Amino acid sequence: MIHDLLQNLQTIIRDSSVDEKNIMQRLKNLLLEYEVTDHLAKDSKSLADLYTETLAGWQDNNETNNTIKTGFANLDKVIGGFSSGEFVVIGGRPAMGKTQLCVNLVLNIVLKQPVLYFTFDLSEYLLASRFISAITGIAVSKIIQHDLTNEEKKTVDLLAGSIHNPRIFLNDSCHNSVSALKTNCIKQIQENGIKVIIVDYLQMMSSNRYRNSRELEVSYISRELKSIARDHDVCVIATSQLSRSSEKRSMAAKPLLSDLRDSGAIEQDADKVIFIYRPEYYAIDVDEMGNSTAGLTELIVAKNRNGRLGTAHLQRNAEFTTFTDFVEPVNEFTFSPARLEEIGEKPF
């Protein structure tokens, strides 16, 4: 197949009867045709073989199966963790904490799996500051502005001497290009064994195709991220902005799948869709039971192709550096036995 591809490339390049623009278009069409043919060339497997492989996976321990735990017990309880080959979308309105959630997920996942993080919204320096903030608990604004106390400076200095983990890779150099991202992903997967890829965020990406239709362009980008996950057996997690549709329903309305911005293909392609929602952002100070919502963050699992739906609760700290599992309030109000007897003796 490679030999045929090289011959066809040479034939196109040597054709002096067409202009440069036509040659480029023919080359693009040929590479696209080759890519499609390459995918179709994958051998089929019998159900018996797949059953044997699946059974072997069940018998393996947690270190060798395809489950990637999020590190948040409340979320893992709902979704069971992420899986290799999955395309996961984390959606939310601006200022909900999507990037900080991803930073916390990376710090949890990297204990067992190498992670590649593409940032299109922040520079590598600003994203690295988010990681330092999450690890040290120091507000990210203080780190960026170099406004640290002597004690905080000591903490950051100690961190510099202890970070030797080569399993987190940050990248802001793809210039929003999906083709550049795909090339970089393949390189990192081959060289560093990357198992989880973060794309922050999807709507910041672009392609050379469908320039006249943003919906078709986002659909193409979504399919490409899905294909990276499937073809290379990695988990791709992409953050996504939501439209203002939810806030048109009500300022504090919880997001729906239809709120995913620019394309319905995101909802279709994603194996899991998780919305991040903070009640206190909308000045909701207490929940239905009268409990404080300070720091409460809801992760709403709106789509789960291979499991159940539900909501996981996390707690955000005051500095907005870390998320932890939310501990549900316990109602400690009880009647003493003497009081119960007293009530029982009174006629009503």
C-alpha atoms as a PDB file:
ATOM      1  CA  MET A   1       0.000   0.000   0.000  1.00  0.00           C
ATOM      2  CA  ILE A   2       2.895   2.382   0.813  1.00  0.00           C
ATOM      3  CA  HIS A   3       4.514   1.622  -2.570  1.00  0.00           C
ATOM      4  CA  ASP A   4       1.292   2.502  -4.421  1.00  0.00           C
ATOM      5  CA  LEU A   5       0.942   5.710  -2.419  1.00  0.00           C
ATOM      6  CA  LEU A   6       4.491   6.817  -3.295  1.00  0.00           C
ATOM      7  CA  GLN A   7       3.918   6.102  -6.989  1.00  0.00           C
ATOM      8  CA  ASN A   8       0.701   8.131  -7.017  1.00  0.00           C
ATOM      9  CA  LEU A   9       2.393  11.022  -5.207  1.00  0.00           C
ATOM     10  CA  GLN A  10       5.211  11.101  -7.743  1.00  0.00           C
ATOM     11  CA  THR A  11       2.756  11.014 -10.644  1.00  0.00           C
ATOM     12  CA  ILE A  12       0.859  14.018  -9.287  1.00  0.00           C
ATOM     13  CA  ILE A  13       3.997  16.055  -8.528  1.00  0.00           C
ATOM     14  CA  ARG A  14       5.486  15.417 -11.990  1.00  0.00           C
ATOM     15  CA  ASP A  15       2.321  16.448 -13.827  1.00  0.00           C
ATOM     16  CA  SER A  16       3.349  19.761 -15.406  1.00  0.00           C
ATOM     17  CA  SER A  17      -0.051  20.314 -17.035  1.00  0.00           C
ATOM     18  CA  VAL A  18      -1.701  21.525 -13.818  1.00  0.00           C
ATOM     19  CA  ASP A  19      -1.008  24.506 -11.591  1.00  0.00           C
ATOM     20  CA  GLU A  20       0.248  24.462  -8.004  1.00  0.00           C
ATOM     21  CA  LYS A  21      -3.224  24.895  -6.486  1.00  0.00           C
ATOM     22  CA  ASN A  22      -4.560  21.914  -8.419  1.00  0.00           C
ATOM     23  CA  ILE A  23      -1.582  19.787  -7.388  1.00  0.00           C
ATOM     24  CA  MET A  24      -2.164  20.618  -3.710  1.00  0.00           C
ATOM     25  CA  GLN A  25      -5.830  19.672  -3.979  1.00  0.00           C
ATOM     26  CA  ARG A  26      -5.029  16.361  -5.673  1.00  0.00           C
ATOM     27  CA  LEU A  27      -2.429  15.586  -3.010  1.00  0.00           C
ATOM     28  CA  LYS A  28      -4.950  16.290  -0.229  1.00  0.00           C
ATOM     29  CA  ASN A  29      -7.548  14.061  -1.903  1.00  0.00           C
ATOM     30  CA  LEU A  30      -5.017  11.252  -2.330  1.00  0.00           C
ATOM     31  CA  LEU A  31      -3.909  11.383   1.326  1.00  0.00           C
ATOM     32  CA  LEU A  32      -7.527  11.448   2.483  1.00  0.00           C
ATOM     33  CA  GLU A  33      -8.330   8.433   0.290  1.00  0.00           C
ATOM     34  CA  TYR A  34      -5.288   6.598   1.653  1.00  0.00           C
ATOM     35  CA  GLU A  35      -6.310   7.385   5.242  1.00  0.00           C
ATOM     36  CA  VAL A  36      -9.837   6.044   4.676  1.00  0.00           C
ATOM     37  CA  THR A  37      -8.500   2.926   2.934  1.00  0.00           C
ATOM     38  CA  ASP A  38      -6.064   2.341   5.788  1.00  0.00           C
ATOM     39  CA  HIS A  39      -8.933   2.398   8.305  1.00  0.00           C
ATOM     40  CA  LEU A  40     -11.003   0.008   6.188  1.00  0.00           C
ATOM     41  CA  ALA A  41      -8.041  -2.383   5.921  1.00  0.00           C
ATOM     42  CA  LYS A  42      -8.372  -3.356   9.569  1.00  0.00           C
ATOM     43  CA  ASP A  43      -9.094  -7.074   9.855  1.00  0.00           C
ATOM     44  CA  SER A  44     -12.428  -8.237  11.223  1.00  0.00           C
ATOM     45  CA  LYS A  45     -12.510 -10.348  14.374  1.00  0.00           C
ATOM     46  CA  SER A  46     -14.829 -13.170  15.262  1.00  0.00           C
ATOM     47  CA  LEU A  47     -17.119 -12.861  18.263  1.00  0.00           C
ATOM     48  CA  ALA A  48     -15.318 -15.862  19.797  1.00  0.00           C
ATOM     49  CA  ASP A  49     -11.955 -14.053  19.636  1.00  0.00           C
ATOM     50  CA  LEU A  50     -13.443 -10.867  21.089  1.00  0.00           C
ATOM     51  CA  TYR A  51     -15.054 -12.891  23.889  1.00  0.00           C
ATOM     52  CA  THR A  52     -11.668 -14.441  24.745  1.00  0.00           C
ATOM     53  CA  GLU A  53      -9.986 -11.017  24.778  1.00  0.00           C
ATOM     54  CA  THR A  54     -12.743  -9.545  26.940  1.00  0.00           C
ATOM     55  CA  LEU A  55     -12.560 -12.433  29.404  1.00  0.00           C
ATOM     56  CA  ALA A  56      -8.789 -12.031  29.634  1.00  0.00           C
ATOM     57  CA  GLY A  57      -9.280  -8.349  30.396  1.00  0.00           C
ATOM     58  CA  TRP A  58     -11.629  -9.188  33.274  1.00  0.00           C
ATOM     59  CA  GLN A  59      -9.084 -11.572  34.738  1.00  0.00           C
ATOM     60  CA  ASP A  60      -6.273  -9.009  34.589  1.00  0.00           C
ATOM     61  CA  ASN A  61      -5.715  -6.750  37.565  1.00  0.00           C
ATOM     62  CA  ASN A  62      -6.517  -3.025  37.584  1.00  0.00           C
ATOM     63  CA  GLU A  63      -3.020  -2.112  36.439  1.00  0.00           C
ATOM     64  CA  THR A  64      -3.444  -3.734  33.031  1.00  0.00           C
ATOM     65  CA  ASN A  65      -7.063  -3.106  32.095  1.00  0.00           C
ATOM     66  CA  ASN A  66      -8.408  -0.134  30.153  1.00  0.00           C
ATOM     67  CA  THR A  67     -10.045   1.655  33.085  1.00  0.00           C
ATOM     68  CA  ILE A  68      -8.595   5.055  33.977  1.00  0.00           C
ATOM     69  CA  LYS A  69      -9.764   6.204  37.405  1.00  0.00           C
ATOM     70  CA  THR A  70     -10.446   9.927  37.775  1.00  0.00           C
ATOM     71  CA  GLY A  71      -9.192  10.061  41.360  1.00  0.00           C
ATOM     72  CA  PHE A  72     -12.557  11.423  42.532  1.00  0.00           C
ATOM     73  CA  ALA A  73     -14.447   8.659  44.343  1.00  0.00           C
ATOM     74  CA  ASN A  74     -17.823  10.365  43.853  1.00  0.00           C
ATOM     75  CA  LEU A  75     -17.310  10.618  40.078  1.00  0.00           C
ATOM     76  CA  ASP A  76     -15.821   7.131  39.720  1.00  0.00           C
ATOM     77  CA  LYS A  77     -18.848   5.806  41.599  1.00  0.00           C
ATOM     78  CA  VAL A  78     -21.088   7.156  38.822  1.00  0.00           C
ATOM     79  CA  ILE A  79     -19.044   6.454  35.670  1.00  0.00           C
ATOM     80  CA  GLY A  80     -16.583   3.803  36.859  1.00  0.00           C
ATOM     81  CA  GLY A  81     -13.705   5.882  35.454  1.00  0.00           C
ATOM     82  CA  PHE A  82     -12.676   6.725  31.899  1.00  0.00           C
ATOM     83  CA  SER A  83     -11.637   4.097  29.345  1.00  0.00           C
ATOM     84  CA  SER A  84      -9.007   3.839  26.629  1.00  0.00           C
ATOM     85  CA  GLY A  85     -10.568   4.562  23.250  1.00  0.00           C
ATOM     86  CA  GLU A  86     -13.127   6.966  24.719  1.00  0.00           C
ATOM     87  CA  PHE A  87     -13.844  10.543  23.683  1.00  0.00           C
ATOM     88  CA  VAL A  88     -14.999  12.485  26.756  1.00  0.00           C
ATOM     89  CA  VAL A  89     -16.416  16.021  26.716  1.00  0.00           C
ATOM     90  CA  ILE A  90     -16.422  18.270  29.799  1.00  0.00           C
ATOM     91  CA  GLY A  91     -18.792  21.160  29.173  1.00  0.00           C
ATOM     92  CA  GLY A  92     -19.612  24.288  31.095  1.00  0.00           C
ATOM     93  CA  ARG A  93     -20.303  27.970  30.890  1.00  0.00           C
ATOM     94  CA  PRO A  94     -17.354  30.402  31.339  1.00  0.00           C
ATOM     95  CA  ALA A  95     -15.881  30.603  34.880  1.00  0.00           C
ATOM     96  CA  MET A  96     -17.333  27.245  35.939  1.00  0.00           C
ATOM     97  CA  GLY A  97     -13.841  25.790  36.476  1.00  0.00           C
ATOM     98  CA  LYS A  98     -13.333  23.515  33.441  1.00  0.00           C
ATOM     99  CA  THR A  99      -9.577  24.103  33.180  1.00  0.00           C
ATOM    100  CA  GLN A 100      -8.993  23.744  36.904  1.00  0.00           C
ATOM    101  CA  LEU A 101     -10.989  20.507  36.930  1.00  0.00           C
ATOM    102  CA  CYS A 102      -8.810  19.194  34.096  1.00  0.00           C
ATOM    103  CA  VAL A 103      -5.652  20.186  35.998  1.00  0.00           C
ATOM    104  CA  ASN A 104      -6.892  18.251  39.032  1.00  0.00           C
ATOM    105  CA  LEU A 105      -7.842  15.262  36.857  1.00  0.00           C
ATOM    106  CA  VAL A 106      -4.345  15.223  35.333  1.00  0.00           C
ATOM    107  CA  LEU A 107      -2.676  15.283  38.762  1.00  0.00           C
ATOM    108  CA  ASN A 108      -4.832  12.314  39.776  1.00  0.00           C
ATOM    109  CA  ILE A 109      -4.504  10.304  36.554  1.00  0.00           C
ATOM    110  CA  VAL A 110      -0.748  10.826  36.122  1.00  0.00           C
ATOM    111  CA  LEU A 111      -0.067   8.700  39.188  1.00  0.00           C
ATOM    112  CA  LYS A 112      -0.688   5.730  36.871  1.00  0.00           C
ATOM    113  CA  GLN A 113      -0.847   7.017  33.282  1.00  0.00           C
ATOM    114  CA  PRO A 114       1.188   9.561  31.234  1.00  0.00           C
ATOM    115  CA  VAL A 115      -0.884  12.583  30.146  1.00  0.00           C
ATOM    116  CA  LEU A 116      -0.576  15.082  27.284  1.00  0.00           C
ATOM    117  CA  TYR A 117      -2.310  18.440  27.803  1.00  0.00           C
ATOM    118  CA  PHE A 118      -3.036  20.758  24.849  1.00  0.00           C
ATOM    119  CA  THR A 119      -3.958  24.286  25.832  1.00  0.00           C
ATOM    120  CA  PHE A 120      -5.465  26.647  23.270  1.00  0.00           C
ATOM    121  CA  ASP A 121      -6.842  29.144  25.768  1.00  0.00           C
ATOM    122  CA  LEU A 122      -3.751  29.640  27.968  1.00  0.00           C
ATOM    123  CA  SER A 123      -0.014  29.777  27.386  1.00  0.00           C
ATOM    124  CA  GLU A 124       2.189  26.978  28.703  1.00  0.00           C
ATOM    125  CA  TYR A 125       3.399  29.349  31.430  1.00  0.00           C
ATOM    126  CA  LEU A 126      -0.118  30.193  32.628  1.00  0.00           C
ATOM    127  CA  LEU A 127      -1.161  26.543  32.523  1.00  0.00           C
ATOM    128  CA  ALA A 128       1.980  25.519  34.441  1.00  0.00           C
ATOM    129  CA  SER A 129       1.026  28.159  37.026  1.00  0.00           C
ATOM    130  CA  ARG A 130      -2.345  26.409  37.397  1.00  0.00           C
ATOM    131  CA  PHE A 131      -0.556  23.134  38.124  1.00  0.00           C
ATOM    132  CA  ILE A 132       1.755  24.775  40.675  1.00  0.00           C
ATOM    133  CA  SER A 133      -1.290  26.370  42.293  1.00  0.00           C
ATOM    134  CA  ALA A 134      -3.128  23.051  42.501  1.00  0.00           C
ATOM    135  CA  ILE A 135      -0.121  21.271  44.021  1.00  0.00           C
ATOM    136  CA  THR A 136       0.807  23.963  46.553  1.00  0.00           C
ATOM    137  CA  GLY A 137      -2.652  25.354  47.339  1.00  0.00           C
ATOM    138  CA  ILE A 138      -1.424  28.886  46.637  1.00  0.00           C
ATOM    139  CA  ALA A 139      -3.873  31.046  44.656  1.00  0.00           C
ATOM    140  CA  VAL A 140      -2.898  31.115  40.984  1.00  0.00           C
ATOM    141  CA  SER A 141      -3.180  34.910  40.869  1.00  0.00           C
ATOM    142  CA  LYS A 142      -0.433  35.208  43.508  1.00  0.00           C
ATOM    143  CA  ILE A 143       1.844  32.878  41.549  1.00  0.00           C
ATOM    144  CA  ILE A 144       1.342  34.732  38.255  1.00  0.00           C
ATOM    145  CA  GLN A 145       1.832  38.142  39.879  1.00  0.00           C
ATOM    146  CA  HIS A 146       4.821  36.946  41.955  1.00  0.00           C
ATOM    147  CA  ASP A 147       3.003  38.178  45.035  1.00  0.00           C
ATOM    148  CA  LEU A 148       4.121  35.473  47.458  1.00  0.00           C
ATOM    149  CA  THR A 149       4.876  35.576  51.135  1.00  0.00           C
ATOM    150  CA  ASN A 150       8.252  34.269  52.309  1.00  0.00           C
ATOM    151  CA  GLU A 151       6.582  31.070  53.467  1.00  0.00           C
ATOM    152  CA  GLU A 152       4.869  30.607  50.082  1.00  0.00           C
ATOM    153  CA  LYS A 153       8.172  31.212  48.279  1.00  0.00           C
ATOM    154  CA  LYS A 154       9.742  28.425  50.338  1.00  0.00           C
ATOM    155  CA  THR A 155       6.863  26.122  49.382  1.00  0.00           C
ATOM    156  CA  VAL A 156       7.314  26.865  45.669  1.00  0.00           C
ATOM    157  CA  ASP A 157      11.101  26.428  45.934  1.00  0.00           C
ATOM    158  CA  LEU A 158      10.657  23.034  47.600  1.00  0.00           C
ATOM    159  CA  LEU A 159       8.262  22.029  44.827  1.00  0.00           C
ATOM    160  CA  ALA A 160      10.845  22.918  42.167  1.00  0.00           C
ATOM    161  CA  GLY A 161      13.251  20.464  43.728  1.00  0.00           C
ATOM    162  CA  SER A 162      10.701  17.669  43.951  1.00  0.00           C
ATOM    163  CA  ILE A 163       9.051  17.746  40.500  1.00  0.00           C
ATOM    164  CA  HIS A 164      10.814  15.060  38.515  1.00  0.00           C
ATOM    165  CA  ASN A 165       7.711  13.470  36.981  1.00  0.00           C
ATOM    166  CA  PRO A 166       8.194  13.322  33.200  1.00  0.00           C
ATOM    167  CA  ARG A 167       4.666  11.978  32.723  1.00  0.00           C
ATOM    168  CA  ILE A 168       2.880  15.327  32.269  1.00  0.00           C
ATOM    169  CA  PHE A 169       3.441  17.033  28.907  1.00  0.00           C
ATOM    170  CA  LEU A 170       2.049  20.517  28.171  1.00  0.00           C
ATOM    171  CA  ASN A 171       1.698  21.945  24.670  1.00  0.00           C
ATOM    172  CA  ASP A 172       0.479  25.315  23.381  1.00  0.00           C
ATOM    173  CA  SER A 173       2.244  25.219  20.014  1.00  0.00           C
ATOM    174  CA  CYS A 174      -0.351  23.694  17.705  1.00  0.00           C
ATOM    175  CA  HIS A 175      -1.805  27.101  16.745  1.00  0.00           C
ATOM    176  CA  ASN A 176      -5.365  25.800  17.034  1.00  0.00           C
ATOM    177  CA  SER A 177      -4.764  23.383  14.138  1.00  0.00           C
ATOM    178  CA  VAL A 178      -6.404  19.963  14.407  1.00  0.00           C
ATOM    179  CA  SER A 179      -3.913  18.464  11.929  1.00  0.00           C
ATOM    180  CA  ALA A 180      -0.944  19.721  13.970  1.00  0.00           C
ATOM    181  CA  LEU A 181      -2.558  18.386  17.134  1.00  0.00           C
ATOM    182  CA  LYS A 182      -3.093  14.962  15.560  1.00  0.00           C
ATOM    183  CA  THR A 183       0.541  14.776  14.409  1.00  0.00           C
ATOM    184  CA  ASN A 184       1.787  15.774  17.866  1.00  0.00           C
ATOM    185  CA  CYS A 185      -0.496  13.225  19.545  1.00  0.00           C
ATOM    186  CA  ILE A 186       0.861  10.354  17.450  1.00  0.00           C
ATOM    187  CA  LYS A 187       4.446  11.431  18.158  1.00  0.00           C
ATOM    188  CA  GLN A 188       3.853  11.643  21.925  1.00  0.00           C
ATOM    189  CA  ILE A 189       1.966   8.333  22.008  1.00  0.00           C
ATOM    190  CA  GLN A 190       4.865   6.588  20.267  1.00  0.00           C
ATOM    191  CA  GLU A 191       7.681   8.283  22.211  1.00  0.00           C
ATOM    192  CA  ASN A 192       6.205   8.695  25.698  1.00  0.00           C
ATOM    193  CA  GLY A 193       3.403   6.121  25.908  1.00  0.00           C
ATOM    194  CA  ILE A 194       0.696   8.768  26.383  1.00  0.00           C
ATOM    195  CA  LYS A 195      -2.619   7.227  27.486  1.00  0.00           C
ATOM    196  CA  VAL A 196      -4.713  10.344  28.216  1.00  0.00           C
ATOM    197  CA  ILE A 197      -4.947  13.492  26.068  1.00  0.00           C
ATOM    198  CA  ILE A 198      -6.565  16.713  27.294  1.00  0.00           C
ATOM    199  CA  VAL A 199      -7.774  19.289  24.731  1.00  0.00           C
ATOM    200  CA  ASP A 200      -8.656  22.629  26.335  1.00  0.00           C
ATOM    201  CA  TYR A 201     -10.825  23.708  24.649  1.00  0.00           C
ATOM    202  CA  LEU A 202     -12.556  22.315  21.562  1.00  0.00           C
ATOM    203  CA  GLN A 203     -14.128  25.505  20.169  1.00  0.00           C
ATOM    204  CA  MET A 204     -10.717  27.222  20.064  1.00  0.00           C
ATOM    205  CA  MET A 205      -9.562  24.767  17.392  1.00  0.00           C
ATOM    206  CA  SER A 206      -9.794  25.244  13.638  1.00  0.00           C
ATOM    207  CA  SER A 207      -9.123  23.377  10.412  1.00  0.00           C
ATOM    208  CA  ASN A 208      -8.507  24.141   6.755  1.00  0.00           C
ATOM    209  CA  ARG A 209     -11.807  22.515   5.893  1.00  0.00           C
ATOM    210  CA  TYR A 210     -15.327  23.923   6.044  1.00  0.00           C
ATOM    211  CA  ARG A 211     -14.141  27.491   6.637  1.00  0.00           C
ATOM    212  CA  ASN A 212     -17.521  28.782   5.523  1.00  0.00           C
ATOM    213  CA  SER A 213     -19.449  26.706   8.058  1.00  0.00           C
ATOM    214  CA  ARG A 214     -18.492  26.752  11.730  1.00  0.00           C
ATOM    215  CA  GLU A 215     -20.898  23.905  12.492  1.00  0.00           C
ATOM    216  CA  LEU A 216     -19.302  21.629   9.873  1.00  0.00           C
ATOM    217  CA  GLU A 217     -15.830  22.648  11.047  1.00  0.00           C
ATOM    218  CA  VAL A 218     -16.568  21.789  14.694  1.00  0.00           C
ATOM    219  CA  SER A 219     -18.174  18.513  13.555  1.00  0.00           C
ATOM    220  CA  TYR A 220     -14.973  17.641  11.692  1.00  0.00           C
ATOM    221  CA  ILE A 221     -12.803  18.519  14.717  1.00  0.00           C
ATOM    222  CA  SER A 222     -15.013  16.399  16.978  1.00  0.00           C
ATOM    223  CA  ARG A 223     -14.725  13.407  14.626  1.00  0.00           C
ATOM    224  CA  GLU A 224     -10.947  13.812  14.465  1.00  0.00           C
ATOM    225  CA  LEU A 225     -10.640  13.797  18.271  1.00  0.00           C
ATOM    226  CA  LYS A 226     -12.861  10.726  18.378  1.00  0.00           C
ATOM    227  CA  SER A 227     -10.677   8.988  15.772  1.00  0.00           C
ATOM    228  CA  ILE A 228      -7.501   9.738  17.761  1.00  0.00           C
ATOM    229  CA  ALA A 229      -9.054   8.019  20.775  1.00  0.00           C
ATOM    230  CA  ARG A 230     -10.259   5.004  18.796  1.00  0.00           C
ATOM    231  CA  ASP A 231      -7.296   4.522  16.461  1.00  0.00           C
ATOM    232  CA  HIS A 232      -4.599   4.863  19.130  1.00  0.00           C
ATOM    233  CA  ASP A 233      -6.442   3.379  22.124  1.00  0.00           C
ATOM    234  CA  VAL A 234      -6.128   6.481  24.285  1.00  0.00           C
ATOM    235  CA  CYS A 235      -8.651   8.518  26.230  1.00  0.00           C
ATOM    236  CA  VAL A 236      -9.242  11.983  24.761  1.00  0.00           C
ATOM    237  CA  ILE A 237     -10.865  14.514  27.107  1.00  0.00           C
ATOM    238  CA  ALA A 238     -11.954  17.807  25.540  1.00  0.00           C
ATOM    239  CA  THR A 239     -13.467  20.788  27.299  1.00  0.00           C
ATOM    240  CA  SER A 240     -16.311  22.548  25.528  1.00  0.00           C
ATOM    241  CA  GLN A 241     -18.029  25.873  25.914  1.00  0.00           C
ATOM    242  CA  LEU A 242     -21.816  25.874  26.222  1.00  0.00           C
ATOM    243  CA  SER A 243     -24.183  28.249  24.501  1.00  0.00           C
ATOM    244  CA  ARG A 244     -26.285  30.733  26.426  1.00  0.00           C
ATOM    245  CA  SER A 245     -29.350  28.519  25.921  1.00  0.00           C
ATOM    246  CA  SER A 246     -29.351  27.342  29.526  1.00  0.00           C
ATOM    247  CA  GLU A 247     -29.323  30.898  30.849  1.00  0.00           C
ATOM    248  CA  LYS A 248     -32.173  31.822  28.520  1.00  0.00           C
ATOM    249  CA  ARG A 249     -34.244  29.123  30.228  1.00  0.00           C
ATOM    250  CA  SER A 250     -33.238  30.513  33.609  1.00  0.00           C
ATOM    251  CA  MET A 251     -30.112  32.232  34.916  1.00  0.00           C
ATOM    252  CA  ALA A 252     -29.450  29.241  37.150  1.00  0.00           C
ATOM    253  CA  ALA A 253     -30.690  26.478  34.844  1.00  0.00           C
ATOM    254  CA  LYS A 254     -28.538  23.364  34.739  1.00  0.00           C
ATOM    255  CA  PRO A 255     -27.020  22.565  31.317  1.00  0.00           C
ATOM    256  CA  LEU A 256     -28.479  20.095  28.819  1.00  0.00           C
ATOM    257  CA  LEU A 257     -26.887  18.219  25.921  1.00  0.00           C
ATOM    258  CA  SER A 258     -28.552  20.632  23.516  1.00  0.00           C
ATOM    259  CA  ASP A 259     -26.476  23.450  25.061  1.00  0.00           C
ATOM    260  CA  LEU A 260     -23.208  22.135  23.576  1.00  0.00           C
ATOM    261  CA  ARG A 261     -21.981  24.968  21.399  1.00  0.00           C
ATOM    262  CA  ASP A 262     -21.589  25.087  17.590  1.00  0.00           C
ATOM    263  CA  SER A 263     -22.412  21.487  16.681  1.00  0.00           C
ATOM    264  CA  GLY A 264     -24.691  18.583  17.533  1.00  0.00           C
ATOM    265  CA  ALA A 265     -21.854  16.292  16.407  1.00  0.00           C
ATOM    266  CA  ILE A 266     -20.099  16.808  19.748  1.00  0.00           C
ATOM    267  CA  GLU A 267     -23.036  15.186  21.534  1.00  0.00           C
ATOM    268  CA  GLN A 268     -23.134  12.411  18.928  1.00  0.00           C
ATOM    269  CA  ASP A 269     -19.399  11.631  18.933  1.00  0.00           C
ATOM    270  CA  ALA A 270     -18.757  11.792  22.675  1.00  0.00           C
ATOM    271  CA  ASP A 271     -18.806   8.585  24.696  1.00  0.00           C
ATOM    272  CA  LYS A 272     -19.276  10.610  27.867  1.00  0.00           C
ATOM    273  CA  VAL A 273     -20.519  14.170  28.377  1.00  0.00           C
ATOM    274  CA  ILE A 274     -19.972  15.698  31.811  1.00  0.00           C
ATOM    275  CA  PHE A 275     -21.227  19.175  32.687  1.00  0.00           C
ATOM    276  CA  ILE A 276     -19.647  21.242  35.447  1.00  0.00           C
ATOM    277  CA  TYR A 277     -22.067  23.436  37.386  1.00  0.00           C
ATOM    278  CA  ARG A 278     -21.545  25.644  40.458  1.00  0.00           C
ATOM    279  CA  PRO A 279     -24.743  26.838  42.218  1.00  0.00           C
ATOM    280  CA  GLU A 280     -22.969  29.656  44.085  1.00  0.00           C
ATOM    281  CA  TYR A 281     -21.942  31.213  40.746  1.00  0.00           C
ATOM    282  CA  TYR A 282     -25.633  31.999  40.303  1.00  0.00           C
ATOM    283  CA  ALA A 283     -25.978  33.297  43.888  1.00  0.00           C
ATOM    284  CA  ILE A 284     -27.683  30.098  45.078  1.00  0.00           C
ATOM    285  CA  ASP A 285     -26.389  30.003  48.656  1.00  0.00           C
ATOM    286  CA  VAL A 286     -28.279  26.945  49.943  1.00  0.00           C
ATOM    287  CA  ASP A 287     -29.626  23.778  48.363  1.00  0.00           C
ATOM    288  CA  GLU A 288     -33.139  22.300  48.631  1.00  0.00           C
ATOM    289  CA  MET A 289     -32.329  20.950  52.116  1.00  0.00           C
ATOM    290  CA  GLY A 290     -31.014  24.281  53.363  1.00  0.00           C
ATOM    291  CA  ASN A 291     -27.357  23.199  53.279  1.00  0.00           C
ATOM    292  CA  SER A 292     -24.710  25.722  52.205  1.00  0.00           C
ATOM    293  CA  THR A 293     -23.531  25.495  48.596  1.00  0.00           C
ATOM    294  CA  ALA A 294     -20.224  27.287  49.277  1.00  0.00           C
ATOM    295  CA  GLY A 295     -17.616  25.585  47.124  1.00  0.00           C
ATOM    296  CA  LEU A 296     -20.092  22.953  45.913  1.00  0.00           C
ATOM    297  CA  THR A 297     -19.451  21.807  42.347  1.00  0.00           C
ATOM    298  CA  GLU A 298     -21.789  19.435  40.528  1.00  0.00           C
ATOM    299  CA  LEU A 299     -20.477  17.134  37.809  1.00  0.00           C
ATOM    300  CA  ILE A 300     -23.561  16.181  35.827  1.00  0.00           C
ATOM    301  CA  VAL A 301     -23.062  13.033  33.723  1.00  0.00           C
ATOM    302  CA  ALA A 302     -25.504  13.802  30.888  1.00  0.00           C
ATOM    303  CA  LYS A 303     -24.295  11.080  28.505  1.00  0.00           C
ATOM    304  CA  ASN A 304     -22.556   7.812  29.229  1.00  0.00           C
ATOM    305  CA  ARG A 305     -22.485   5.414  26.303  1.00  0.00           C
ATOM    306  CA  ASN A 306     -21.250   2.540  28.459  1.00  0.00           C
ATOM    307  CA  GLY A 307     -22.850   3.193  31.832  1.00  0.00           C
ATOM    308  CA  ARG A 308     -25.321   5.107  33.921  1.00  0.00           C
ATOM    309  CA  LEU A 309     -26.092   8.773  34.293  1.00  0.00           C
ATOM    310  CA  GLY A 310     -26.018  10.746  37.518  1.00  0.00           C
ATOM    311  CA  THR A 311     -24.440  13.618  39.423  1.00  0.00           C
ATOM    312  CA  ALA A 312     -21.192  13.606  41.392  1.00  0.00           C
ATOM    313  CA  HIS A 313     -20.504  16.324  43.958  1.00  0.00           C
ATOM    314  CA  LEU A 314     -17.069  17.891  44.423  1.00  0.00           C
ATOM    315  CA  GLN A 315     -15.851  20.556  46.835  1.00  0.00           C
ATOM    316  CA  ARG A 316     -13.850  23.519  45.500  1.00  0.00           C
ATOM    317  CA  ASN A 317     -11.517  25.196  47.958  1.00  0.00           C
ATOM    318  CA  ALA A 318     -11.644  28.948  48.564  1.00  0.00           C
ATOM    319  CA  GLU A 319      -8.498  29.661  46.506  1.00  0.00           C
ATOM    320  CA  PHE A 320      -9.980  27.797  43.531  1.00  0.00           C
ATOM    321  CA  THR A 321      -6.897  25.585  43.326  1.00  0.00           C
ATOM    322  CA  THR A 322      -8.227  22.111  44.053  1.00  0.00           C
ATOM    323  CA  PHE A 323     -11.329  19.963  43.913  1.00  0.00           C
ATOM    324  CA  THR A 324     -11.952  17.187  46.410  1.00  0.00           C
ATOM    325  CA  ASP A 325     -14.785  14.744  46.980  1.00  0.00           C
ATOM    326  CA  PHE A 326     -17.746  16.482  48.572  1.00  0.00           C
ATOM    327  CA  VAL A 327     -18.844  15.052  51.934  1.00  0.00           C
ATOM    328  CA  GLU A 328     -22.614  15.134  52.209  1.00  0.00           C
ATOM    329  CA  PRO A 329     -23.896  16.928  55.340  1.00  0.00           C
ATOM    330  CA  VAL A 330     -25.134  14.624  58.077  1.00  0.00           C
ATOM    331  CA  ASN A 331     -28.289  15.496  59.979  1.00  0.00           C
ATOM    332  CA  GLU A 332     -27.267  14.937  63.588  1.00  0.00           C
ATOM    333  CA  PHE A 333     -30.597  16.011  65.123  1.00  0.00           C
ATOM    334  CA  THR A 334     -31.998  13.262  67.396  1.00  0.00           C
ATOM    335  CA  PHE A 335     -34.522  12.914  70.197  1.00  0.00           C
ATOM    336  CA  SER A 336     -33.257  11.677  73.527  1.00  0.00           C
ATOM    337  CA  PRO A 337     -35.093   8.558  74.869  1.00  0.00           C
ATOM    338  CA  ALA A 338     -36.415  10.592  77.815  1.00  0.00           C
ATOM    339  CA  ARG A 339     -37.907  13.189  75.482  1.00  0.00           C
ATOM    340  CA  LEU A 340     -39.581  10.454  73.395  1.00  0.00           C
ATOM    341  CA  GLU A 341     -41.171   8.977  76.554  1.00  0.00           C
ATOM    342  CA  GLU A 342     -42.339  12.428  77.639  1.00  0.00           C
ATOM    343  CA  ILE A 343     -44.034  13.017  74.310  1.00  0.00           C
ATOM    344  CA  GLY A 344     -45.651   9.586  74.464  1.00  0.00           C
ATOM    345  CA  GLU A 345     -47.203  10.301  77.879  1.00  0.00           C
ATOM    346  CA  LYS A 346     -48.876  13.573  76.835  1.00  0.00           C
ATOM    347  CA  PRO A 347     -52.449  13.385  75.543  1.00  0.00           C
ATOM    348  CA  PHE A 348     -53.055  15.145  72.218  1.00  0.00           C
END
